C-alpha cells in the first residue's frame, strides 16, 4: 500500500455532512492509505449515511459526545474493536450556543460561554487523553481553529474558545512531547460548512477572504484544509509540534 498515510490508523471526529472539513480529511486520509475510524454525535444515522460516501467502508460509527466523561472513558475500547491502535487523531469538534455568537458578546451568560469553552476548547485535551492509551511515539493529534489573534464580527465567544484551543494545543505539545506525540492545529479560512452556517451573520466577513487572499479563496472547497490536516498526521512533520498552519489563501499575512 502506498500513500502519505499508508498503514496508519486515524480517528476522525466531527463528520456531519460531506461538505465538512472532517469528511474531506477522512476521504483524503483513505486515499493516502490510512485506515479511518469515525465518531459521530447527535444524529448518528445521518453520519452513518454520510460516511458511506467515503472511498472505502469504515466500521461502525462510534458515538462520542466529547463533553461526556462516560463516552470518553469508553472510547479506547470501542476504537480497539476496529483497529489495534491509533497513529493519528483529528479533532473537528466545536459548539457554541446562539447566545454566545452573532453579536451577543456583551450579553452572553456564563452558562452559554462555559458550554462553548467545554465543547470547543477543553474537548481537545479530553479527546487526546482518551486516545493516549492507543497511541505510541510518532503519533499526531490535529485540531481545527479559526484565526484567534483578532476579534471577528459575530464570532464572539467562539473566538475566545478558539484562542483557548490554540493555547491548549501548545500545552499538549509540551506535555505529550515526552511521549513522542505531536499536537498541531490547522487554521482555515471561512468555509460554508454546517458549523459556519450555524453562526448568525457569519457571511458578513467571509467575502473578505475571496477579495483579499493572495492565492484566492474558495468558500466551498474543504480539500486544501483536509490536505494540510493529512500532512500533519503524516511522518513528514516529525519535529513539528505546537504549530498553527494557516490554510486561508494567505489572508492572514496581508494587512488591511
Protein backbone atom coordinates (compact mmCIF):
# COMPACT_ATOMS: atom_id res chain seq x y z
CA UNK A 1 0.00 0.00 0.00
CA UNK A 2 1.37 3.41 -0.94
CA UNK A 3 0.43 6.94 0.10
CA UNK A 4 1.33 9.60 2.59
CA UNK A 5 -0.59 7.81 5.37
CA UNK A 6 -0.02 4.22 4.29
CA UNK A 7 -0.65 1.81 7.15
CA UNK A 8 -1.75 4.50 9.58
CA UNK A 9 -4.84 4.27 11.73
CA UNK A 10 -6.64 7.60 12.03
CA UNK A 11 -9.58 8.60 14.21
CA UNK A 12 -11.72 11.35 12.66
CA UNK A 13 -14.33 13.20 14.70
CA UNK A 14 -16.86 15.78 13.61
CA UNK A 15 -18.26 14.43 10.34
CA UNK A 16 -21.73 15.87 9.85
CA UNK A 17 -22.07 16.30 6.09
CA UNK A 18 -19.88 15.58 3.09
CA UNK A 19 -19.25 19.34 2.90
CA UNK A 20 -17.33 19.32 6.19
CA UNK A 21 -13.59 19.59 6.77
CA UNK A 22 -13.78 16.33 8.72
CA UNK A 23 -15.27 14.48 5.75
CA UNK A 24 -12.67 15.91 3.36
CA UNK A 25 -9.94 14.83 5.78
CA UNK A 26 -11.31 11.29 6.14
CA UNK A 27 -11.64 10.95 2.35
CA UNK A 28 -8.09 12.16 1.71
CA UNK A 29 -6.70 10.01 4.52
CA UNK A 30 -8.26 6.90 2.98
CA UNK A 31 -6.95 7.85 -0.44
CA UNK A 32 -3.49 8.19 1.11
CA UNK A 33 -3.61 4.69 2.58
CA UNK A 34 -4.97 5.22 6.09
CA UNK A 35 -7.50 3.07 7.90
CA UNK A 36 -10.10 5.50 9.21
CA UNK A 37 -12.26 5.18 12.33
CA UNK A 38 -15.15 7.64 12.63
CA UNK A 39 -17.03 9.07 15.59
CA UNK A 40 -20.32 10.91 15.49
CA UNK A 41 -22.52 12.93 17.79
CA UNK A 42 -26.23 13.52 17.76
CA UNK A 43 -27.82 12.25 14.55
CA UNK A 44 -25.74 9.08 14.18
CA UNK A 45 -27.98 7.73 11.44
CA UNK A 46 -27.11 10.80 9.35
CA UNK A 47 -23.38 10.35 9.99
CA UNK A 48 -23.68 6.66 9.05
CA UNK A 49 -25.24 7.64 5.71
CA UNK A 50 -22.61 10.28 5.03
CA UNK A 51 -19.61 8.00 5.71
CA UNK A 52 -20.95 5.58 3.08
CA UNK A 53 -19.84 8.24 0.59
CA UNK A 54 -16.20 7.76 1.58
CA UNK A 55 -13.99 5.88 -0.90
CA UNK A 56 -13.70 2.87 1.40
CA UNK A 57 -16.03 1.36 4.01
CA UNK A 58 -15.48 2.23 7.66
CA UNK A 59 -16.53 0.30 10.74
CA UNK A 60 -19.43 1.23 12.94
CA UNK A 61 -19.66 4.93 13.72
CA UNK A 62 -18.69 5.36 17.38
CA UNK A 63 -20.96 7.63 19.38
CA UNK A 64 -18.89 10.36 21.01
CA UNK A 65 -20.01 13.43 22.87
CA UNK A 66 -16.60 14.91 23.72
CA UNK A 67 -18.07 16.59 26.80
CA UNK A 68 -19.43 13.30 28.18
CA UNK A 69 -16.99 11.62 30.61
CA UNK A 70 -18.56 8.19 30.06
CA UNK A 71 -18.18 8.42 26.28
CA UNK A 72 -14.56 9.50 26.67
CA UNK A 73 -13.78 6.76 29.18
CA UNK A 74 -15.14 4.09 26.83
CA UNK A 75 -13.65 5.46 23.62
CA UNK A 76 -10.41 3.47 23.61
CA UNK A 77 -12.23 0.15 24.00
CA UNK A 78 -14.65 0.99 21.18
CA UNK A 79 -11.80 2.00 18.89
CA UNK A 80 -9.99 -1.26 19.69
CA UNK A 81 -12.99 -3.14 18.29
CA UNK A 82 -11.98 -1.76 14.87
CA UNK A 83 -8.21 -1.19 14.99
CA UNK A 84 -5.42 -2.22 17.35
CA UNK A 85 -4.16 1.30 17.96
CA UNK A 86 -4.08 4.85 16.63
CA UNK A 87 -1.41 6.82 14.79
CA UNK A 88 -3.45 9.98 14.44
CA UNK A 89 -6.47 11.80 15.86
CA UNK A 90 -8.44 14.59 14.17
CA UNK A 91 -10.35 16.95 16.47
CA UNK A 92 -13.08 18.63 14.40
CA UNK A 93 -15.36 19.47 17.31
CA UNK A 94 -16.81 22.87 18.21
CA UNK A 95 -20.10 24.18 19.53
CA UNK A 96 -21.37 27.49 20.82
CA UNK A 97 -24.94 28.26 21.91
CA UNK A 98 -26.64 31.01 19.93
CA UNK A 99 -26.41 33.35 22.91
CA UNK A 100 -22.61 33.29 22.71
CA UNK A 101 -22.49 34.18 19.00
CA UNK A 102 -23.92 36.60 16.47
CA UNK A 103 -23.16 39.86 18.29
CA UNK A 104 -24.10 38.71 21.77
CA UNK A 105 -20.63 39.03 23.27
CA UNK A 106 -21.61 41.55 25.97
CA UNK A 107 -24.84 39.81 26.93
CA UNK A 108 -23.81 36.14 26.79
CA UNK A 109 -24.35 34.19 30.00
CA UNK A 110 -21.59 32.18 31.64
CA UNK A 111 -23.71 29.10 31.04
CA UNK A 112 -23.52 29.66 27.28
CA UNK A 113 -19.88 30.70 27.36
CA UNK A 114 -18.95 27.73 29.53
CA UNK A 115 -20.68 25.38 27.12
CA UNK A 116 -18.72 26.83 24.19
CA UNK A 117 -15.39 26.52 26.00
CA UNK A 118 -16.12 22.99 27.21
CA UNK A 119 -17.15 21.76 23.76
CA UNK A 120 -14.64 23.69 21.67
CA UNK A 121 -11.56 24.04 23.89
CA UNK A 122 -11.37 21.56 26.76
CA UNK A 123 -12.60 18.78 24.47
CA UNK A 124 -9.28 18.90 22.61
CA UNK A 125 -7.37 17.91 25.73
CA UNK A 126 -10.12 15.47 26.75
CA UNK A 127 -10.05 13.70 23.39
CA UNK A 128 -6.26 13.49 23.45
CA UNK A 129 -6.34 11.98 26.93
CA UNK A 130 -8.98 9.43 25.89
CA UNK A 131 -6.88 8.35 22.90
CA UNK A 132 -3.49 8.23 24.61
CA UNK A 133 -3.74 4.52 25.58
CA UNK A 134 -3.98 3.75 21.85
CA UNK A 135 -1.09 5.92 20.70
CA UNK A 136 2.66 5.45 20.50
CA UNK A 137 5.68 7.62 19.69
CA UNK A 138 5.28 9.23 16.29
CA UNK A 139 1.56 9.81 16.79
CA UNK A 140 -0.12 13.05 15.80
CA UNK A 141 -3.14 14.98 17.06
CA UNK A 142 -4.52 17.68 14.79
CA UNK A 143 -7.30 20.17 15.54
CA UNK A 144 -9.07 22.90 13.60
CA UNK A 145 -9.08 26.57 14.52
CA UNK A 146 -10.08 29.92 13.06
CA UNK A 147 -7.53 32.71 13.48
CA UNK A 148 -7.89 33.74 17.12
CA UNK A 149 -5.29 36.54 17.03
CA UNK A 150 -8.03 39.01 16.05
CA UNK A 151 -11.61 39.79 17.05
CA UNK A 152 -14.07 38.97 14.27
CA UNK A 153 -17.62 40.25 13.77
CA UNK A 154 -20.29 37.90 15.18
CA UNK A 155 -17.74 35.19 16.15
CA UNK A 156 -17.71 36.48 19.72
CA UNK A 157 -17.18 33.82 22.40
CA UNK A 158 -16.32 31.17 19.84
CA UNK A 159 -13.31 33.32 19.04
CA UNK A 160 -12.37 33.23 22.70
CA UNK A 161 -12.86 29.46 22.72
CA UNK A 162 -10.59 29.12 19.67
CA UNK A 163 -7.94 31.25 21.37
CA UNK A 164 -8.14 28.79 24.25
CA UNK A 165 -7.91 25.89 21.81
CA UNK A 166 -4.72 27.33 20.33
CA UNK A 167 -3.20 27.64 23.79
CA UNK A 168 -4.39 24.14 24.71
CA UNK A 169 -2.61 22.72 21.68
CA UNK A 170 0.66 24.35 22.77
CA UNK A 171 0.32 22.88 26.25
CA UNK A 172 -0.48 19.46 24.81
CA UNK A 173 2.63 19.78 22.67
CA UNK A 174 4.59 20.38 25.86
CA UNK A 175 3.13 17.53 27.87
CA UNK A 176 2.90 14.96 25.07
CA UNK A 177 6.32 15.67 23.63
CA UNK A 178 7.99 13.26 26.04
CA UNK A 179 5.72 10.54 24.66
CA UNK A 180 6.75 11.39 21.10
CA UNK A 181 3.25 12.64 20.22
CA UNK A 182 2.72 15.86 18.32
CA UNK A 183 -0.12 18.39 18.64
CA UNK A 184 -0.81 20.89 15.86
CA UNK A 185 -3.68 22.95 14.52
CA UNK A 186 -4.83 23.98 11.07
CA UNK A 187 -6.29 27.48 10.84
CA UNK A 188 -8.64 27.51 7.87
CA UNK A 189 -10.27 30.45 6.19
CA UNK A 190 -14.05 30.64 6.32
CA UNK A 191 -15.83 27.70 4.72
CA UNK A 192 -19.55 27.27 4.20
CA UNK A 193 -19.85 24.23 6.40
CA UNK A 194 -22.82 23.44 8.60
CA UNK A 195 -20.84 24.76 11.57
CA UNK A 196 -20.31 28.12 9.85
CA UNK A 197 -23.94 28.35 8.80
CA UNK A 198 -24.97 28.00 12.44
CA UNK A 199 -23.23 31.30 13.29
CA UNK A 200 -25.63 34.22 12.75
CA UNK A 201 -24.10 36.79 10.41
CA UNK A 202 -21.01 34.73 9.54
CA UNK A 203 -21.40 35.71 5.88
CA UNK A 204 -20.72 39.33 6.83
CA UNK A 205 -16.96 38.85 6.69
CA UNK A 206 -16.34 35.72 4.63
CA UNK A 207 -16.22 37.72 1.37
CA UNK A 208 -13.06 39.45 2.64
CA UNK A 209 -11.08 36.25 2.02
CA UNK A 210 -12.35 35.99 -1.53
CA UNK A 211 -11.38 39.61 -2.20
CA UNK A 212 -8.04 39.80 -0.40
CA UNK A 213 -6.37 36.38 -0.13
CA UNK A 214 -3.28 36.45 -2.38
CA UNK A 215 -4.00 32.93 -3.64
CA UNK A 216 -7.74 33.48 -3.73
CA UNK A 217 -10.17 31.60 -1.53
CA UNK A 218 -12.98 29.17 -2.36
CA UNK A 219 -15.63 29.26 0.36
CA UNK A 220 -16.90 25.81 -0.59
CA UNK A 221 -13.66 23.83 -1.02
CA UNK A 222 -12.59 21.92 2.10
CA UNK A 223 -9.93 19.88 0.31
CA UNK A 224 -6.97 22.26 0.86
CA UNK A 225 -7.67 22.23 4.61
CA UNK A 226 -8.04 18.45 4.62
CA UNK A 227 -4.72 18.10 2.82
CA UNK A 228 -2.98 20.18 5.49
CA UNK A 229 -4.50 18.03 8.23
CA UNK A 230 -3.32 14.86 6.49
CA UNK A 231 0.16 16.28 6.05
CA UNK A 232 0.39 16.98 9.78
CA UNK A 233 -0.85 13.45 10.51
CA UNK A 234 1.92 12.04 8.33
CA UNK A 235 5.56 11.34 9.10
CA UNK A 236 6.64 14.35 7.05
CA UNK A 237 6.41 16.71 10.06
CA UNK A 238 8.32 14.63 12.64
CA UNK A 239 9.77 17.62 14.53
CA UNK A 240 6.79 19.99 14.30
CA UNK A 241 4.51 20.43 17.29
CA UNK A 242 2.63 23.29 18.90
CA UNK A 243 2.27 24.81 15.43
CA UNK A 244 -0.66 26.50 13.68
CA UNK A 245 -0.65 26.02 9.91
CA UNK A 246 -2.73 28.61 8.06
CA UNK A 247 -4.80 27.41 5.11
CA UNK A 248 -6.52 30.62 4.08
CA UNK A 249 -5.06 31.61 0.74
CA UNK A 250 -2.56 33.81 2.57
CA UNK A 251 -5.19 36.16 4.01
CA UNK A 252 -3.63 36.15 7.49
CA UNK A 253 -0.39 37.65 6.14
CA UNK A 254 -1.94 40.64 4.37
CA UNK A 255 -2.69 43.95 6.11
CA UNK A 256 -5.91 45.88 5.66
